[in-house]
Amino acid sequence: MHSNLIVARMDLGSSAEVARLFAEFDATEMPHRMGTRRRELFTYRGLYFHLQDFDGQNGGDRIEEAKTDPRFVRISADLKPFIEAYDPATWRSPADAMASRFYHWEAGE
């Protein structure tokens, strides 16, 4: 399984609307198309954390393929009023908002 963690800024008061937008998106076949197995959204003191787990080793390739789908384009536009780049001066794509994992542990069977 592959995981991505996106870090951005979000007003705490918009969490219900952001959750609603993702619930609608996740009710479509888009998560399956992107290989998404799980999505979790967190907020902490004005920060937004979007953890997404994918089938296989590289969810980024499938996201790249899905980026032109009208549903992907729509949710990206719908989220803009609520979520802003952590560092707008350096943000060019979602890859610029992805955290880098530096440690992983998993329980054995």
PDB file of N, CA and C in Angstrom:
ATOM      1  N   MET A   1       0.847  -1.178   0.000  1.00  0.00           N
ATOM      2  CA  MET A   1       0.000   0.000   0.000  1.00  0.00           C
ATOM      3  C   MET A   1       0.888   1.236   0.000  1.00  0.00           C
ATOM      4  N   HIS A   2       0.462   2.245  -0.709  1.00  0.00           N
ATOM      5  CA  HIS A   2       1.169   3.521  -0.801  1.00  0.00           C
ATOM      6  C   HIS A   2       0.314   4.592  -0.117  1.00  0.00           C
ATOM      7  N   SER A   3       0.943   5.506   0.617  1.00  0.00           N
ATOM      8  CA  SER A   3       0.228   6.587   1.297  1.00  0.00           C
ATOM      9  C   SER A   3       0.780   7.933   0.868  1.00  0.00           C
ATOM     10  N   ASN A   4      -0.112   8.907   0.769  1.00  0.00           N
ATOM     11  CA  ASN A   4       0.256  10.308   0.551  1.00  0.00           C
ATOM     12  C   ASN A   4      -0.324  11.119   1.693  1.00  0.00           C
ATOM     13  N   LEU A   5       0.423  12.107   2.153  1.00  0.00           N
ATOM     14  CA  LEU A   5      -0.070  13.036   3.160  1.00  0.00           C
ATOM     15  C   LEU A   5       0.106  14.440   2.607  1.00  0.00           C
ATOM     16  N   ILE A   6      -1.017  15.108   2.387  1.00  0.00           N
ATOM     17  CA  ILE A   6      -1.003  16.484   1.886  1.00  0.00           C
ATOM     18  C   ILE A   6      -1.187  17.415   3.068  1.00  0.00           C
ATOM     19  N   VAL A   7      -0.380  18.455   3.137  1.00  0.00           N
ATOM     20  CA  VAL A   7      -0.442  19.439   4.214  1.00  0.00           C
ATOM     21  C   VAL A   7      -0.796  20.790   3.592  1.00  0.00           C
ATOM     22  N   ALA A   8      -1.793  21.444   4.178  1.00  0.00           N
ATOM     23  CA  ALA A   8      -2.218  22.760   3.684  1.00  0.00           C
ATOM     24  C   ALA A   8      -2.763  23.551   4.872  1.00  0.00           C
ATOM     25  N   ARG A   9      -3.380  24.663   4.579  1.00  0.00           N
ATOM     26  CA  ARG A   9      -4.013  25.490   5.615  1.00  0.00           C
ATOM     27  C   ARG A   9      -5.517  25.468   5.409  1.00  0.00           C
ATOM     28  N   MET A  10      -6.247  25.454   6.524  1.00  0.00           N
ATOM     29  CA  MET A  10      -7.708  25.415   6.445  1.00  0.00           C
ATOM     30  C   MET A  10      -8.292  26.074   7.688  1.00  0.00           C
ATOM     31  N   ASP A  11      -9.303  26.884   7.484  1.00  0.00           N
ATOM     32  CA  ASP A  11     -10.043  27.470   8.592  1.00  0.00           C
ATOM     33  C   ASP A  11     -10.831  26.350   9.266  1.00  0.00           C
ATOM     34  N   LEU A  12     -10.687  26.227  10.561  1.00  0.00           N
ATOM     35  CA  LEU A  12     -11.351  25.164  11.320  1.00  0.00           C
ATOM     36  C   LEU A  12     -12.859  25.137  11.082  1.00  0.00           C
ATOM     37  N   GLY A  13     -13.462  26.291  10.870  1.00  0.00           N
ATOM     38  CA  GLY A  13     -14.905  26.381  10.668  1.00  0.00           C
ATOM     39  C   GLY A  13     -15.391  25.770   9.362  1.00  0.00           C
ATOM     40  N   SER A  14     -14.491  25.438   8.461  1.00  0.00           N
ATOM     41  CA  SER A  14     -14.915  24.879   7.170  1.00  0.00           C
ATOM     42  C   SER A  14     -14.799  23.359   7.110  1.00  0.00           C
ATOM     43  N   SER A  15     -14.465  22.716   8.199  1.00  0.00           N
ATOM     44  CA  SER A  15     -14.242  21.267   8.167  1.00  0.00           C
ATOM     45  C   SER A  15     -15.499  20.490   7.752  1.00  0.00           C
ATOM     46  N   ALA A  16     -16.671  20.921   8.180  1.00  0.00           N
ATOM     47  CA  ALA A  16     -17.904  20.209   7.798  1.00  0.00           C
ATOM     48  C   ALA A  16     -18.142  20.295   6.293  1.00  0.00           C
ATOM     49  N   GLU A  17     -17.896  21.441   5.696  1.00  0.00           N
ATOM     50  CA  GLU A  17     -18.105  21.599   4.257  1.00  0.00           C
ATOM     51  C   GLU A  17     -17.062  20.802   3.466  1.00  0.00           C
ATOM     52  N   VAL A  18     -15.827  20.808   3.911  1.00  0.00           N
ATOM     53  CA  VAL A  18     -14.785  20.027   3.244  1.00  0.00           C
ATOM     54  C   VAL A  18     -15.116  18.539   3.338  1.00  0.00           C
ATOM     55  N   ALA A  19     -15.561  18.081   4.497  1.00  0.00           N
ATOM     56  CA  ALA A  19     -15.955  16.675   4.659  1.00  0.00           C
ATOM     57  C   ALA A  19     -17.121  16.331   3.730  1.00  0.00           C
ATOM     58  N   ARG A  20     -18.082  17.221   3.602  1.00  0.00           N
ATOM     59  CA  ARG A  20     -19.224  16.987   2.709  1.00  0.00           C
ATOM     60  C   ARG A  20     -18.770  16.847   1.258  1.00  0.00           C
ATOM     61  N   LEU A  21     -17.879  17.732   0.827  1.00  0.00           N
ATOM     62  CA  LEU A  21     -17.381  17.678  -0.545  1.00  0.00           C
ATOM     63  C   LEU A  21     -16.673  16.350  -0.821  1.00  0.00           C
ATOM     64  N   PHE A  22     -15.846  15.907   0.122  1.00  0.00           N
ATOM     65  CA  PHE A  22     -15.163  14.633  -0.073  1.00  0.00           C
ATOM     66  C   PHE A  22     -16.132  13.455   0.011  1.00  0.00           C
ATOM     67  N   ALA A  23     -17.141  13.526   0.862  1.00  0.00           N
ATOM     68  CA  ALA A  23     -18.124  12.439   0.932  1.00  0.00           C
ATOM     69  C   ALA A  23     -18.831  12.274  -0.409  1.00  0.00           C
ATOM     70  N   GLU A  24     -19.189  13.377  -1.040  1.00  0.00           N
ATOM     71  CA  GLU A  24     -19.824  13.317  -2.361  1.00  0.00           C
ATOM     72  C   GLU A  24     -18.861  12.742  -3.399  1.00  0.00           C
ATOM     73  N   PHE A  25     -17.622  13.186  -3.377  1.00  0.00           N
ATOM     74  CA  PHE A  25     -16.612  12.703  -4.314  1.00  0.00           C
ATOM     75  C   PHE A  25     -16.355  11.212  -4.113  1.00  0.00           C
ATOM     76  N   ASP A  26     -16.244  10.795  -2.860  1.00  0.00           N
ATOM     77  CA  ASP A  26     -15.936   9.401  -2.554  1.00  0.00           C
ATOM     78  C   ASP A  26     -17.111   8.468  -2.819  1.00  0.00           C
ATOM     79  N   ALA A  27     -18.305   9.022  -2.987  1.00  0.00           N
ATOM     80  CA  ALA A  27     -19.481   8.206  -3.318  1.00  0.00           C
ATOM     81  C   ALA A  27     -19.520   7.855  -4.808  1.00  0.00           C
ATOM     82  N   THR A  28     -18.631   8.451  -5.608  1.00  0.00           N
ATOM     83  CA  THR A  28     -18.548   8.148  -7.038  1.00  0.00           C
ATOM     84  C   THR A  28     -17.526   7.027  -7.240  1.00  0.00           C
ATOM     85  N   GLU A  29     -17.272   6.672  -8.475  1.00  0.00           N
ATOM     86  CA  GLU A  29     -16.251   5.656  -8.755  1.00  0.00           C
ATOM     87  C   GLU A  29     -14.839   6.236  -8.790  1.00  0.00           C
ATOM     88  N   MET A  30     -14.698   7.535  -8.540  1.00  0.00           N
ATOM     89  CA  MET A  30     -13.373   8.159  -8.605  1.00  0.00           C
ATOM     90  C   MET A  30     -12.355   7.531  -7.646  1.00  0.00           C
ATOM     91  N   PRO A  31     -12.699   7.243  -6.389  1.00  0.00           N
ATOM     92  CA  PRO A  31     -11.686   6.605  -5.531  1.00  0.00           C
ATOM     93  C   PRO A  31     -11.183   5.280  -6.126  1.00  0.00           C
ATOM     94  N   HIS A  32     -12.100   4.507  -6.681  1.00  0.00           N
ATOM     95  CA  HIS A  32     -11.688   3.244  -7.307  1.00  0.00           C
ATOM     96  C   HIS A  32     -10.774   3.514  -8.501  1.00  0.00           C
ATOM     97  N   ARG A  33     -11.126   4.491  -9.310  1.00  0.00           N
ATOM     98  CA  ARG A  33     -10.312   4.835 -10.487  1.00  0.00           C
ATOM     99  C   ARG A  33      -8.897   5.236 -10.082  1.00  0.00           C
ATOM    100  N   MET A  34      -8.772   5.935  -8.961  1.00  0.00           N
ATOM    101  CA  MET A  34      -7.467   6.398  -8.495  1.00  0.00           C
ATOM    102  C   MET A  34      -6.751   5.361  -7.635  1.00  0.00           C
ATOM    103  N   GLY A  35      -7.430   4.248  -7.311  1.00  0.00           N
ATOM    104  CA  GLY A  35      -6.821   3.233  -6.461  1.00  0.00           C
ATOM    105  C   GLY A  35      -6.858   3.591  -4.987  1.00  0.00           C
ATOM    106  N   THR A  36      -7.710   4.534  -4.610  1.00  0.00           N
ATOM    107  CA  THR A  36      -7.799   4.969  -3.220  1.00  0.00           C
ATOM    108  C   THR A  36      -8.467   3.897  -2.373  1.00  0.00           C
ATOM    109  N   ARG A  37      -7.806   3.501  -1.309  1.00  0.00           N
ATOM    110  CA  ARG A  37      -8.379   2.525  -0.371  1.00  0.00           C
ATOM    111  C   ARG A  37      -8.948   3.211   0.869  1.00  0.00           C
ATOM    112  N   ARG A  38      -8.355   4.331   1.228  1.00  0.00           N
ATOM    113  CA  ARG A  38      -8.806   5.030   2.433  1.00  0.00           C
ATOM    114  C   ARG A  38      -8.400   6.490   2.322  1.00  0.00           C
ATOM    115  N   ARG A  39      -9.272   7.355   2.840  1.00  0.00           N
ATOM    116  CA  ARG A  39      -8.982   8.791   2.916  1.00  0.00           C
ATOM    117  C   ARG A  39      -9.331   9.232   4.334  1.00  0.00           C
ATOM    118  N   GLU A  40      -8.437   9.974   4.951  1.00  0.00           N
ATOM    119  CA  GLU A  40      -8.701  10.544   6.263  1.00  0.00           C
ATOM    120  C   GLU A  40      -8.281  12.007   6.233  1.00  0.00           C
ATOM    121  N   LEU A  41      -9.123  12.854   6.798  1.00  0.00           N
ATOM    122  CA  LEU A  41      -8.853  14.290   6.859  1.00  0.00           C
ATOM    123  C   LEU A  41      -8.689  14.688   8.319  1.00  0.00           C
ATOM    124  N   PHE A  42      -7.669  15.485   8.592  1.00  0.00           N
ATOM    125  CA  PHE A  42      -7.384  15.955   9.942  1.00  0.00           C
ATOM    126  C   PHE A  42      -7.161  17.464   9.896  1.00  0.00           C
ATOM    127  N   THR A  43      -7.415  18.095  11.013  1.00  0.00           N
ATOM    128  CA  THR A  43      -7.081  19.512  11.148  1.00  0.00           C
ATOM    129  C   THR A  43      -6.430  19.722  12.508  1.00  0.00           C
ATOM    130  N   TYR A  44      -5.496  20.651  12.542  1.00  0.00           N
ATOM    131  CA  TYR A  44      -4.807  20.988  13.788  1.00  0.00           C
ATOM    132  C   TYR A  44      -4.332  22.430  13.699  1.00  0.00           C
ATOM    133  N   ARG A  45      -4.919  23.282  14.521  1.00  0.00           N
ATOM    134  CA  ARG A  45      -4.494  24.689  14.624  1.00  0.00           C
ATOM    135  C   ARG A  45      -4.310  25.366  13.268  1.00  0.00           C
ATOM    136  N   GLY A  46      -5.318  25.251  12.444  1.00  0.00           N
ATOM    137  CA  GLY A  46      -5.289  25.922  11.156  1.00  0.00           C
ATOM    138  C   GLY A  46      -4.593  25.148  10.045  1.00  0.00           C
ATOM    139  N   LEU A  47      -4.078  23.969  10.369  1.00  0.00           N
ATOM    140  CA  LEU A  47      -3.455  23.132   9.348  1.00  0.00           C
ATOM    141  C   LEU A  47      -4.425  22.029   8.935  1.00  0.00           C
ATOM    142  N   TYR A  48      -4.321  21.610   7.705  1.00  0.00           N
ATOM    143  CA  TYR A  48      -5.157  20.574   7.106  1.00  0.00           C
ATOM    144  C   TYR A  48      -4.238  19.433   6.694  1.00  0.00           C
ATOM    145  N   PHE A  49      -4.609  18.223   7.068  1.00  0.00           N
ATOM    146  CA  PHE A  49      -3.843  17.032   6.716  1.00  0.00           C
ATOM    147  C   PHE A  49      -4.779  16.069   5.995  1.00  0.00           C
ATOM    148  N   HIS A  50      -4.389  15.653   4.821  1.00  0.00           N
ATOM    149  CA  HIS A  50      -5.192  14.768   3.977  1.00  0.00           C
ATOM    150  C   HIS A  50      -4.369  13.508   3.741  1.00  0.00           C
ATOM    151  N   LEU A  51      -4.722  12.444   4.466  1.00  0.00           N
ATOM    152  CA  LEU A  51      -4.026  11.165   4.336  1.00  0.00           C
ATOM    153  C   LEU A  51      -4.815  10.281   3.389  1.00  0.00           C
ATOM    154  N   GLN A  52      -4.138   9.803   2.353  1.00  0.00           N
ATOM    155  CA  GLN A  52      -4.793   8.973   1.353  1.00  0.00           C
ATOM    156  C   GLN A  52      -3.939   7.726   1.136  1.00  0.00           C
ATOM    157  N   ASP A  53      -4.564   6.550   1.289  1.00  0.00           N
ATOM    158  CA  ASP A  53      -3.888   5.274   1.068  1.00  0.00           C
ATOM    159  C   ASP A  53      -4.353   4.683  -0.247  1.00  0.00           C
ATOM    160  N   PHE A  54      -3.406   4.106  -0.987  1.00  0.00           N
ATOM    161  CA  PHE A  54      -3.667   3.588  -2.328  1.00  0.00           C
ATOM    162  C   PHE A  54      -3.299   2.123  -2.422  1.00  0.00           C
ATOM    163  N   ASP A  55      -3.974   1.428  -3.346  1.00  0.00           N
ATOM    164  CA  ASP A  55      -3.551   0.091  -3.742  1.00  0.00           C
ATOM    165  C   ASP A  55      -2.192   0.223  -4.413  1.00  0.00           C
ATOM    166  N   GLY A  56      -1.354  -0.757  -4.249  1.00  0.00           N
ATOM    167  CA  GLY A  56      -0.077  -0.762  -4.962  1.00  0.00           C
ATOM    168  C   GLY A  56       0.938   0.177  -4.352  1.00  0.00           C
ATOM    169  N   GLN A  57       1.977   0.427  -5.104  1.00  0.00           N
ATOM    170  CA  GLN A  57       3.110   1.202  -4.609  1.00  0.00           C
ATOM    171  C   GLN A  57       3.133   2.654  -5.026  1.00  0.00           C
ATOM    172  N   ASN A  58       2.363   3.041  -6.043  1.00  0.00           N
ATOM    173  CA  ASN A  58       2.464   4.423  -6.490  1.00  0.00           C
ATOM    174  C   ASN A  58       1.092   4.986  -6.848  1.00  0.00           C
ATOM    175  N   GLY A  59       0.429   5.586  -5.868  1.00  0.00           N
ATOM    176  CA  GLY A  59      -0.852   6.219  -6.126  1.00  0.00           C
ATOM    177  C   GLY A  59      -0.723   7.487  -6.944  1.00  0.00           C
ATOM    178  N   GLY A  60       0.447   8.087  -6.941  1.00  0.00           N
ATOM    179  CA  GLY A  60       0.644   9.335  -7.665  1.00  0.00           C
ATOM    180  C   GLY A  60       0.392   9.208  -9.158  1.00  0.00           C
ATOM    181  N   ASP A  61       0.775   8.079  -9.744  1.00  0.00           N
ATOM    182  CA  ASP A  61       0.556   7.880 -11.182  1.00  0.00           C
ATOM    183  C   ASP A  61      -0.932   7.861 -11.510  1.00  0.00           C
ATOM    184  N   ARG A  62      -1.718   7.191 -10.675  1.00  0.00           N
ATOM    185  CA  ARG A  62      -3.151   7.098 -10.938  1.00  0.00           C
ATOM    186  C   ARG A  62      -3.838   8.436 -10.707  1.00  0.00           C
ATOM    187  N   ILE A  63      -3.349   9.208  -9.767  1.00  0.00           N
ATOM    188  CA  ILE A  63      -3.908  10.551  -9.560  1.00  0.00           C
ATOM    189  C   ILE A  63      -3.612  11.417 -10.785  1.00  0.00           C
ATOM    190  N   GLU A  64      -2.394  11.336 -11.297  1.00  0.00           N
ATOM    191  CA  GLU A  64      -2.043  12.102 -12.498  1.00  0.00           C
ATOM    192  C   GLU A  64      -2.990  11.778 -13.644  1.00  0.00           C
ATOM    193  N   GLU A  65      -3.326  10.501 -13.797  1.00  0.00           N
ATOM    194  CA  GLU A  65      -4.242  10.080 -14.857  1.00  0.00           C
ATOM    195  C   GLU A  65      -5.648  10.625 -14.629  1.00  0.00           C
ATOM    196  N   ALA A  66      -6.063  10.739 -13.368  1.00  0.00           N
ATOM    197  CA  ALA A  66      -7.423  11.165 -13.037  1.00  0.00           C
ATOM    198  C   ALA A  66      -7.587  12.683 -13.009  1.00  0.00           C
ATOM    199  N   LYS A  67      -6.497  13.434 -13.000  1.00  0.00           N
ATOM    200  CA  LYS A  67      -6.569  14.888 -12.823  1.00  0.00           C
ATOM    201  C   LYS A  67      -7.402  15.605 -13.883  1.00  0.00           C
ATOM    202  N   THR A  68      -7.571  15.015 -15.044  1.00  0.00           N
ATOM    203  CA  THR A  68      -8.354  15.679 -16.087  1.00  0.00           C
ATOM    204  C   THR A  68      -9.825  15.276 -16.052  1.00  0.00           C
ATOM    205  N   ASP A  69     -10.182  14.321 -15.206  1.00  0.00           N
ATOM    206  CA  ASP A  69     -11.582  13.915 -15.083  1.00  0.00           C
ATOM    207  C   ASP A  69     -12.384  15.097 -14.538  1.00  0.00           C
ATOM    208  N   PRO A  70     -13.555  15.395 -15.111  1.00  0.00           N
ATOM    209  CA  PRO A  70     -14.346  16.537 -14.655  1.00  0.00           C
ATOM    210  C   PRO A  70     -14.681  16.501 -13.157  1.00  0.00           C
ATOM    211  N   ARG A  71     -14.830  15.324 -12.585  1.00  0.00           N
ATOM    212  CA  ARG A  71     -15.131  15.230 -11.145  1.00  0.00           C
ATOM    213  C   ARG A  71     -13.929  15.637 -10.307  1.00  0.00           C
ATOM    214  N   PHE A  72     -12.732  15.294 -10.756  1.00  0.00           N
ATOM    215  CA  PHE A  72     -11.514  15.700 -10.059  1.00  0.00           C
ATOM    216  C   PHE A  72     -11.332  17.205 -10.168  1.00  0.00           C
ATOM    217  N   VAL A  73     -11.547  17.719 -11.365  1.00  0.00           N
ATOM    218  CA  VAL A  73     -11.435  19.165 -11.594  1.00  0.00           C
ATOM    219  C   VAL A  73     -12.443  19.909 -10.719  1.00  0.00           C
ATOM    220  N   ARG A  74     -13.667  19.379 -10.636  1.00  0.00           N
ATOM    221  CA  ARG A  74     -14.725  20.028  -9.858  1.00  0.00           C
ATOM    222  C   ARG A  74     -14.395  20.058  -8.368  1.00  0.00           C
ATOM    223  N   ILE A  75     -13.960  18.914  -7.791  1.00  0.00           N
ATOM    224  CA  ILE A  75     -13.677  18.938  -6.350  1.00  0.00           C
ATOM    225  C   ILE A  75     -12.492  19.851  -6.056  1.00  0.00           C
ATOM    226  N   SER A  76     -11.517  19.888  -6.955  1.00  0.00           N
ATOM    227  CA  SER A  76     -10.384  20.799  -6.747  1.00  0.00           C
ATOM    228  C   SER A  76     -10.860  22.249  -6.697  1.00  0.00           C
ATOM    229  N   ALA A  77     -11.761  22.612  -7.595  1.00  0.00           N
ATOM    230  CA  ALA A  77     -12.305  23.982  -7.617  1.00  0.00           C
ATOM    231  C   ALA A  77     -13.184  24.240  -6.397  1.00  0.00           C
ATOM    232  N   ASP A  78     -13.996  23.248  -6.015  1.00  0.00           N
ATOM    233  CA  ASP A  78     -14.899  23.419  -4.875  1.00  0.00           C
ATOM    234  C   ASP A  78     -14.144  23.573  -3.558  1.00  0.00           C
ATOM    235  N   LEU A  79     -12.958  22.991  -3.462  1.00  0.00           N
ATOM    236  CA  LEU A  79     -12.166  23.071  -2.228  1.00  0.00           C
ATOM    237  C   LEU A  79     -11.375  24.369  -2.095  1.00  0.00           C
ATOM    238  N   LYS A  80     -11.174  25.074  -3.206  1.00  0.00           N
ATOM    239  CA  LYS A  80     -10.335  26.290  -3.180  1.00  0.00           C
ATOM    240  C   LYS A  80     -10.766  27.336  -2.151  1.00  0.00           C
ATOM    241  N   PRO A  81     -12.078  27.577  -1.934  1.00  0.00           N
ATOM    242  CA  PRO A  81     -12.438  28.578  -0.932  1.00  0.00           C
ATOM    243  C   PRO A  81     -12.090  28.180   0.504  1.00  0.00           C
ATOM    244  N   PHE A  82     -11.828  26.901   0.726  1.00  0.00           N
ATOM    245  CA  PHE A  82     -11.637  26.394   2.081  1.00  0.00           C
ATOM    246  C   PHE A  82     -10.208  25.992   2.410  1.00  0.00           C
ATOM    247  N   ILE A  83      -9.457  25.577   1.400  1.00  0.00           N
ATOM    248  CA  ILE A  83      -8.110  25.058   1.634  1.00  0.00           C
ATOM    249  C   ILE A  83      -7.129  25.872   0.809  1.00  0.00           C
ATOM    250  N   GLU A  84      -6.060  26.326   1.462  1.00  0.00           N
ATOM    251  CA  GLU A  84      -5.044  27.083   0.746  1.00  0.00           C
ATOM    252  C   GLU A  84      -3.689  26.424   0.938  1.00  0.00           C
ATOM    253  N   ALA A  85      -2.808  26.657   0.021  1.00  0.00           N
ATOM    254  CA  ALA A  85      -1.470  26.069   0.068  1.00  0.00           C
ATOM    255  C   ALA A  85      -0.772  26.452   1.367  1.00  0.00           C
ATOM    256  N   TYR A  86      -0.003  25.538   1.892  1.00  0.00           N
ATOM    257  CA  TYR A  86       0.779  25.824   3.090  1.00  0.00           C
ATOM    258  C   TYR A  86       1.737  26.975   2.816  1.00  0.00           C
ATOM    259  N   ASP A  87       2.391  26.933   1.671  1.00  0.00           N
ATOM    260  CA  ASP A  87       3.302  28.005   1.264  1.00  0.00           C
ATOM    261  C   ASP A  87       2.943  28.422  -0.159  1.00  0.00           C
ATOM    262  N   PRO A  88       2.040  29.398  -0.310  1.00  0.00           N
ATOM    263  CA  PRO A  88       1.593  29.799  -1.642  1.00  0.00           C
ATOM    264  C   PRO A  88       2.723  30.239  -2.578  1.00  0.00           C
ATOM    265  N   ALA A  89       3.817  30.726  -2.025  1.00  0.00           N
ATOM    266  CA  ALA A  89       4.921  31.205  -2.859  1.00  0.00           C
ATOM    267  C   ALA A  89       5.618  30.064  -3.596  1.00  0.00           C
ATOM    268  N   THR A  90       5.559  28.854  -3.054  1.00  0.00           N
ATOM    269  CA  THR A  90       6.266  27.733  -3.686  1.00  0.00           C
ATOM    270  C   THR A  90       5.327  26.684  -4.271  1.00  0.00           C
ATOM    271  N   TRP A  91       4.020  26.829  -4.092  1.00  0.00           N
ATOM    272  CA  TRP A  91       3.074  25.816  -4.553  1.00  0.00           C
ATOM    273  C   TRP A  91       2.833  25.930  -6.054  1.00  0.00           C
ATOM    274  N   ARG A  92       3.051  24.815  -6.749  1.00  0.00           N
ATOM    275  CA  ARG A  92       2.766  24.735  -8.177  1.00  0.00           C
ATOM    276  C   ARG A  92       1.817  23.583  -8.490  1.00  0.00           C
ATOM    277  N   SER A  93       1.837  22.532  -7.665  1.00  0.00           N
ATOM    278  CA  SER A  93       0.977  21.373  -7.868  1.00  0.00           C
ATOM    279  C   SER A  93       0.799  20.668  -6.532  1.00  0.00           C
ATOM    280  N   PRO A  94      -0.126  19.705  -6.430  1.00  0.00           N
ATOM    281  CA  PRO A  94      -0.296  18.975  -5.171  1.00  0.00           C
ATOM    282  C   PRO A  94       0.994  18.330  -4.669  1.00  0.00           C
ATOM    283  N   ALA A  95       1.895  17.990  -5.559  1.00  0.00           N
ATOM    284  CA  ALA A  95       3.165  17.393  -5.132  1.00  0.00           C
ATOM    285  C   ALA A  95       3.942  18.336  -4.211  1.00  0.00           C
ATOM    286  N   ASP A  96       3.740  19.646  -4.364  1.00  0.00           N
ATOM    287  CA  ASP A  96       4.429  20.622  -3.518  1.00  0.00           C
ATOM    288  C   ASP A  96       3.851  20.685  -2.109  1.00  0.00           C
ATOM    289  N   ALA A  97       2.737  20.002  -1.877  1.00  0.00           N
ATOM    290  CA  ALA A  97       2.100  20.006  -0.563  1.00  0.00           C
ATOM    291  C   ALA A  97       2.211  18.657   0.137  1.00  0.00           C
ATOM    292  N   MET A  98       2.896  17.699  -0.485  1.00  0.00           N
ATOM    293  CA  MET A  98       2.977  16.360   0.084  1.00  0.00           C
ATOM    294  C   MET A  98       4.124  16.258   1.063  1.00  0.00           C
ATOM    295  N   ALA A  99       3.788  15.738   2.235  1.00  0.00           N
ATOM    296  CA  ALA A  99       4.804  15.506   3.253  1.00  0.00           C
ATOM    297  C   ALA A  99       5.683  14.333   2.832  1.00  0.00           C
ATOM    298  N   SER A 100       6.900  14.313   3.330  1.00  0.00           N
ATOM    299  CA  SER A 100       7.828  13.220   3.045  1.00  0.00           C
ATOM    300  C   SER A 100       7.898  12.293   4.257  1.00  0.00           C
ATOM    301  N   ARG A 101       7.589  11.028   4.027  1.00  0.00           N
ATOM    302  CA  ARG A 101       7.674  10.070   5.130  1.00  0.00           C
ATOM    303  C   ARG A 101       9.140   9.758   5.379  1.00  0.00           C
ATOM    304  N   PHE A 102       9.544   9.777   6.650  1.00  0.00           N
ATOM    305  CA  PHE A 102      10.923   9.457   6.972  1.00  0.00           C
ATOM    306  C   PHE A 102      11.044   8.273   7.914  1.00  0.00           C
ATOM    307  N   TYR A 103       9.878   7.670   8.297  1.00  0.00           N
ATOM    308  CA  TYR A 103       9.908   6.461   9.128  1.00  0.00           C
ATOM    309  C   TYR A 103       8.598   5.723   8.936  1.00  0.00           C
ATOM    310  N   HIS A 104       8.676   4.399   8.900  1.00  0.00           N
ATOM    311  CA  HIS A 104       7.479   3.573   8.766  1.00  0.00           C
ATOM    312  C   HIS A 104       7.668   2.311   9.585  1.00  0.00           C
ATOM    313  N   TRP A 105       6.644   1.914  10.313  1.00  0.00           N
ATOM    314  CA  TRP A 105       6.629   0.662  11.045  1.00  0.00           C
ATOM    315  C   TRP A 105       5.268   0.029  10.848  1.00  0.00           C
ATOM    316  N   GLU A 106       5.226  -1.269  10.733  1.00  0.00           N
ATOM    317  CA  GLU A 106       3.969  -1.982  10.553  1.00  0.00           C
ATOM    318  C   GLU A 106       4.012  -3.268  11.353  1.00  0.00           C
ATOM    319  N   ALA A 107       2.933  -3.575  12.038  1.00  0.00           N
ATOM    320  CA  ALA A 107       2.853  -4.812  12.821  1.00  0.00           C
ATOM    321  C   ALA A 107       2.883  -6.016  11.904  1.00  0.00           C
ATOM    322  N   GLY A 108       3.569  -7.053  12.310  1.00  0.00           N
ATOM    323  CA  GLY A 108       3.596  -8.296  11.549  1.00  0.00           C
ATOM    324  C   GLY A 108       2.328  -9.092  11.804  1.00  0.00           C
ATOM    325  N   GLU A 109       2.164 -10.144  11.036  1.00  0.00           N
ATOM    326  CA  GLU A 109       0.956 -10.958  11.179  1.00  0.00           C
ATOM    327  C   GLU A 109       0.985 -11.827  12.390  1.00  0.00           C
TER     328      GLU A 109
END
